[in-house]
Protein backbone atom coordinates (compact mmCIF):
# COMPACT_ATOMS: atom_id res chain seq x y z
CA UNK A 1 -37.78 -43.65 -13.14
CA UNK A 2 -34.90 -44.86 -15.30
CA UNK A 3 -32.24 -42.24 -16.61
CA UNK A 4 -32.28 -41.43 -20.37
CA UNK A 5 -30.12 -43.59 -22.64
CA UNK A 6 -27.05 -41.89 -23.79
CA UNK A 7 -27.19 -40.96 -27.54
CA UNK A 8 -25.83 -43.67 -29.90
CA UNK A 9 -22.96 -42.63 -32.13
CA UNK A 10 -23.55 -42.72 -35.81
CA UNK A 11 -22.95 -45.95 -37.49
CA UNK A 12 -19.63 -46.11 -39.35
CA UNK A 13 -19.56 -45.83 -43.15
CA UNK A 14 -17.68 -48.64 -44.83
CA UNK A 15 -16.83 -48.09 -48.54
CA UNK A 16 -15.16 -50.27 -50.97
CA UNK A 17 -12.89 -49.35 -53.94
CA UNK A 18 -15.69 -48.87 -56.34
CA UNK A 19 -17.77 -46.47 -53.90
CA UNK A 20 -14.69 -44.46 -53.36
CA UNK A 21 -13.86 -44.08 -56.92
CA UNK A 22 -17.58 -43.28 -57.51
CA UNK A 23 -17.69 -40.45 -55.05
CA UNK A 24 -14.12 -38.76 -54.61
CA UNK A 25 -12.81 -36.49 -57.24
CA UNK A 26 -8.99 -35.60 -57.46
CA UNK A 27 -9.74 -32.16 -56.12
CA UNK A 28 -11.70 -33.43 -53.04
CA UNK A 29 -8.89 -35.99 -52.30
CA UNK A 30 -6.06 -33.48 -52.64
CA UNK A 31 -7.90 -30.94 -50.44
CA UNK A 32 -8.48 -33.67 -47.81
CA UNK A 33 -4.75 -34.74 -47.72
CA UNK A 34 -3.70 -30.93 -47.56
CA UNK A 35 -6.10 -30.45 -44.68
CA UNK A 36 -4.90 -33.60 -42.73
CA UNK A 37 -1.15 -32.47 -43.20
CA UNK A 38 -1.81 -29.02 -41.99
CA UNK A 39 -3.69 -30.31 -38.89
CA UNK A 40 -0.81 -32.83 -38.27
CA UNK A 41 1.66 -30.07 -38.55
CA UNK A 42 -0.31 -27.93 -36.01
CA UNK A 43 -0.43 -31.06 -33.63
CA UNK A 44 -4.18 -31.49 -33.90
CA UNK A 45 -4.37 -34.76 -35.77
CA UNK A 46 -4.11 -38.12 -34.15
CA UNK A 47 -3.41 -40.82 -36.95
CA UNK A 48 -1.92 -43.94 -35.95
CA UNK A 49 -0.43 -46.32 -38.37
CA UNK A 50 -2.73 -48.54 -40.21
CA UNK A 51 -3.74 -51.64 -38.59
CA UNK A 52 -3.86 -55.09 -40.51
CA UNK A 53 -5.82 -58.01 -39.61
CA UNK A 54 -5.57 -61.32 -41.41
CA UNK A 55 -8.92 -62.75 -42.68
CA UNK A 56 -8.68 -66.14 -44.23
CA UNK A 57 -6.98 -65.62 -47.72
CA UNK A 58 -7.27 -61.95 -47.47
CA UNK A 59 -6.69 -59.02 -45.09
CA UNK A 60 -8.60 -56.12 -43.58
CA UNK A 61 -6.82 -52.79 -43.31
CA UNK A 62 -8.09 -50.03 -40.79
CA UNK A 63 -7.17 -46.51 -41.38
CA UNK A 64 -8.61 -44.12 -38.66
CA UNK A 65 -7.75 -40.70 -37.37
CA UNK A 66 -9.29 -37.92 -35.38
CA UNK A 67 -8.93 -34.14 -35.18
CA UNK A 68 -8.73 -32.87 -31.66
CA UNK A 69 -11.82 -30.78 -31.78
CA UNK A 70 -13.90 -33.05 -33.93
CA UNK A 71 -13.87 -36.54 -32.36
CA UNK A 72 -13.26 -39.78 -34.07
CA UNK A 73 -13.02 -39.73 -37.78
CA UNK A 74 -12.74 -42.71 -40.20
């Protein structure tokens, strides 16, 4: 008998500028930044500097972070 497979994490959601503009209101953005700053102040936010990767004539920029009690966030 084979052991059950570990559950797969959800696939990351990748959004471009147009998708972000269509979905994000100023109030939501402000609330998210405020929440992140308060979590950082309390020592519960891990948010390393952005990572940049060259890609031919362009560049990919990765911004990630995680709250201590919520796991990885993107």
